[in-house]
Protein backbone atom coordinates (compact mmCIF):
# COMPACT_ATOMS: atom_id res chain seq x y z
CA MET A 1 51.47 220.30 -99.63
CA ALA A 2 47.74 221.06 -99.58
CA ALA A 3 46.49 224.44 -98.54
CA GLN A 4 44.95 224.84 -95.09
CA GLY A 5 41.44 225.17 -96.55
CA LYS A 6 41.69 222.02 -98.67
CA LYS A 7 40.63 219.47 -96.10
CA VAL A 8 37.68 217.14 -96.22
CA TYR A 9 36.37 214.52 -93.82
CA LEU A 10 35.28 211.26 -95.45
CA ALA A 11 32.09 209.63 -94.23
CA GLN A 12 31.08 206.00 -94.54
CA SER A 13 28.72 206.63 -97.46
CA ALA A 14 31.56 208.11 -99.54
CA PHE A 15 33.73 205.01 -99.06
CA VAL A 16 30.92 202.54 -99.72
CA ALA A 17 29.63 204.36 -102.81
CA PHE A 18 33.19 204.54 -104.18
CA LEU A 19 33.77 200.79 -103.81
CA ASP A 20 30.33 199.48 -104.75
CA ARG A 21 29.92 199.79 -108.52
CA ALA A 22 26.22 199.00 -108.18
CA HIS A 23 25.66 201.88 -105.73
CA ALA A 24 23.45 204.69 -107.04
CA LYS A 25 26.11 207.28 -106.11
CA HIS A 26 29.15 205.35 -107.36
CA ARG A 27 29.93 207.71 -110.24
CA GLN A 28 29.64 210.74 -107.97
CA ALA A 29 31.93 209.10 -105.41
CA VAL A 30 34.52 208.37 -108.10
CA ALA A 31 34.28 212.03 -109.13
CA PHE A 32 34.74 213.08 -105.48
CA PHE A 33 37.95 211.12 -105.09
CA ARG A 34 39.28 212.20 -108.48
CA TYR A 35 38.65 215.83 -107.54
CA PHE A 36 40.26 215.40 -104.12
CA SER A 37 43.34 213.96 -105.80
CA GLN A 38 43.58 216.60 -108.52
CA GLU A 39 43.10 219.46 -106.06
CA ARG A 40 45.41 217.90 -103.46
CA TYR A 41 42.89 217.77 -100.65
CA ARG A 42 43.99 216.41 -97.29
CA LEU A 43 41.62 213.57 -96.45
CA TYR A 44 40.50 212.59 -92.96
CA THR A 45 38.34 209.90 -91.43
CA ASP A 46 38.05 208.21 -88.06
CA THR A 47 38.21 204.71 -86.69
CA ILE A 48 34.45 204.36 -86.26
CA ILE A 49 33.84 205.28 -89.89
CA LEU A 50 36.49 202.77 -90.98
CA TYR A 51 34.89 200.07 -88.85
CA GLU A 52 31.37 200.76 -90.15
CA SER A 53 32.58 201.02 -93.76
CA CYS A 54 34.49 197.77 -93.53
CA ARG A 55 31.53 196.05 -91.90
CA GLN A 56 29.11 197.26 -94.56
CA ILE A 57 31.48 196.30 -97.39
CA HIS A 58 32.02 192.87 -95.81
CA PHE A 59 28.32 192.01 -95.49
CA GLN A 60 26.86 193.82 -98.50
CA ILE A 61 29.56 193.42 -101.13
CA SER A 62 32.37 190.98 -100.31
CA PRO A 63 34.54 189.90 -97.37
CA SER A 64 37.65 189.95 -99.57
CA LEU A 65 36.85 193.49 -100.73
CA SER A 66 36.62 194.61 -97.11
CA GLN A 67 40.14 193.24 -96.53
CA ASP A 68 41.38 195.00 -99.67
CA PHE A 69 39.73 198.19 -98.44
CA LEU A 70 41.63 198.07 -95.14
CA ARG A 71 44.88 197.21 -96.92
CA THR A 72 44.42 200.21 -99.23
CA ILE A 73 43.62 202.52 -96.31
CA SER A 74 46.83 201.42 -94.57
CA PHE A 75 48.91 202.48 -97.60
CA SER A 76 46.97 205.65 -98.39
CA ASP A 77 47.52 209.24 -97.33
CA ILE A 78 44.16 209.35 -95.56
CA ASN A 79 44.63 210.69 -92.04
CA ILE A 80 42.93 208.47 -89.48
CA ILE A 81 41.67 210.28 -86.42
CA TYR A 82 41.48 208.34 -83.18
CA PRO A 83 38.76 209.68 -80.87
CA GLN A 84 39.81 210.41 -77.32
CA GLU A 85 37.60 210.37 -74.22
CA PRO A 86 36.84 214.14 -74.39
CA ASP A 87 35.75 213.68 -78.03
CA ILE A 88 33.37 210.87 -77.03
CA LYS A 89 31.93 212.98 -74.20
CA SER A 90 31.50 215.96 -76.54
CA ALA A 91 29.65 213.78 -79.04
CA ILE A 92 27.33 212.47 -76.31
CA LYS A 93 26.73 216.01 -75.06
CA THR A 94 25.97 217.12 -78.62
CA ILE A 95 23.39 214.32 -79.00
CA ASN A 96 21.78 215.20 -75.67
CA ASN A 97 21.53 218.89 -76.62
CA TYR A 98 20.34 218.31 -80.19
CA ARG A 99 16.57 218.07 -80.44
CA SER A 100 16.27 215.58 -83.28
CA VAL A 101 16.42 211.81 -83.58
CA ASP A 102 18.32 212.21 -86.89
CA LEU A 103 21.62 212.77 -85.09
CA THR A 104 23.38 209.45 -84.54
CA PHE A 105 26.47 208.88 -82.44
CA ASP A 106 28.76 208.38 -85.45
CA LYS A 107 27.56 211.62 -87.08
CA ALA A 108 27.93 213.55 -83.82
CA LEU A 109 31.44 212.19 -83.29
CA MET A 110 32.40 212.92 -86.90
CA SER A 111 31.19 216.50 -86.46
CA VAL A 112 33.08 216.94 -83.19
CA LEU A 113 36.32 215.55 -84.64
CA ALA A 114 36.05 217.61 -87.85
CA SER A 115 35.30 220.80 -85.95
CA LYS A 116 38.17 220.23 -83.51
CA ARG A 117 40.61 219.91 -86.44
CA PHE A 118 39.17 222.82 -88.46
CA ILE A 119 37.90 220.56 -91.25
CA GLY A 120 34.98 222.49 -92.68
CA GLN A 121 33.54 219.99 -95.15
CA ILE A 122 32.34 216.40 -94.91
CA ALA A 123 32.07 214.19 -97.99
CA THR A 124 28.88 212.19 -97.51
CA PHE A 125 25.79 211.12 -99.41
CA ASP A 126 23.75 210.83 -96.22
CA TYR A 127 21.81 213.50 -94.36
CA LEU A 128 24.15 215.44 -92.09
CA PRO A 129 22.76 217.75 -89.41
CA SER A 130 24.30 221.20 -89.51
CA LEU A 131 26.59 221.27 -86.50
CA PHE A 132 29.57 223.48 -85.65
CA GLY A 133 29.31 225.31 -88.99
CA LEU A 134 30.29 222.19 -90.95
CA THR A 135 29.00 221.76 -94.48
CA THR A 136 28.52 218.80 -96.77
CA PHE A 137 30.94 218.69 -99.69
CA PHE A 138 28.85 219.51 -102.76
CA TYR A 139 29.65 219.79 -106.40
CA GLN A 140 27.70 220.21 -109.56
CA TYR A 141 27.65 216.98 -111.51
CA GLU A 142 28.40 217.68 -115.16
CA LYS A 143 28.66 215.24 -118.03
CA GLY A 144 32.06 214.90 -119.61
CA VAL A 145 34.22 212.52 -121.58
CA ILE A 146 37.55 211.19 -120.38
CA GLU A 147 39.38 208.68 -122.56
CA GLY A 148 36.17 207.75 -124.37
CA MET A 149 34.24 207.05 -121.15
CA GLU A 150 31.38 209.28 -120.09
CA VAL A 151 31.90 210.35 -116.50
CA GLY A 152 30.74 213.00 -114.12
CA LEU A 153 33.21 215.77 -113.52
CA PRO A 154 33.03 217.65 -110.23
CA LYS A 155 32.63 221.39 -110.24
CA LEU A 156 32.32 223.25 -106.96
CA LEU A 157 29.22 225.30 -106.45
CA PRO A 158 29.75 229.00 -105.65
C-alpha cells in the first residue's frame, strides 16, 4: 500500500500528453506514469477531468482511442472523485474570490477536491494557480537508456 504522502492528482494535460505520441510533452508524461508506478503513488482524478480528457482525445486524436481510454480507466487503480454540491459551491466561491482570469472552473474544482482529500501535488503540464498550498508535480528530466531506447527518467527536485 502506498504511503500517505504518495498521492497525486492527475489533470487533463497529463492524460492527453501520455496518450498523444505527437504531443510535445509525451515523453515527460510517460516518465510521470512510470515514476508513479515504480514509487506506488495513489492516483486520483475527477469526472470533469475524465470528460474533458475523453472529449479532447476524441476530437484531436481518435474516437476509438477515447473509448480505449475510458475502458482502461475503468480497469485501472485510478481513484475517480465525484464532486458533490458543496465541492461545486466551493469551486465557484474560489473563482469569485480569486482575482485572476487564469482560474477556470475545472482548475478550481480540481484544487478544491485535491485539498479536501489531502492530495498535495497535481500532475499537469498547464499553468496551475497556487491554491490551498497545492503544488504542481515536478521532476528533473534526465536522459537515460532503458532497453536500448533513450527516455527521460524522472528525478524529484529537492
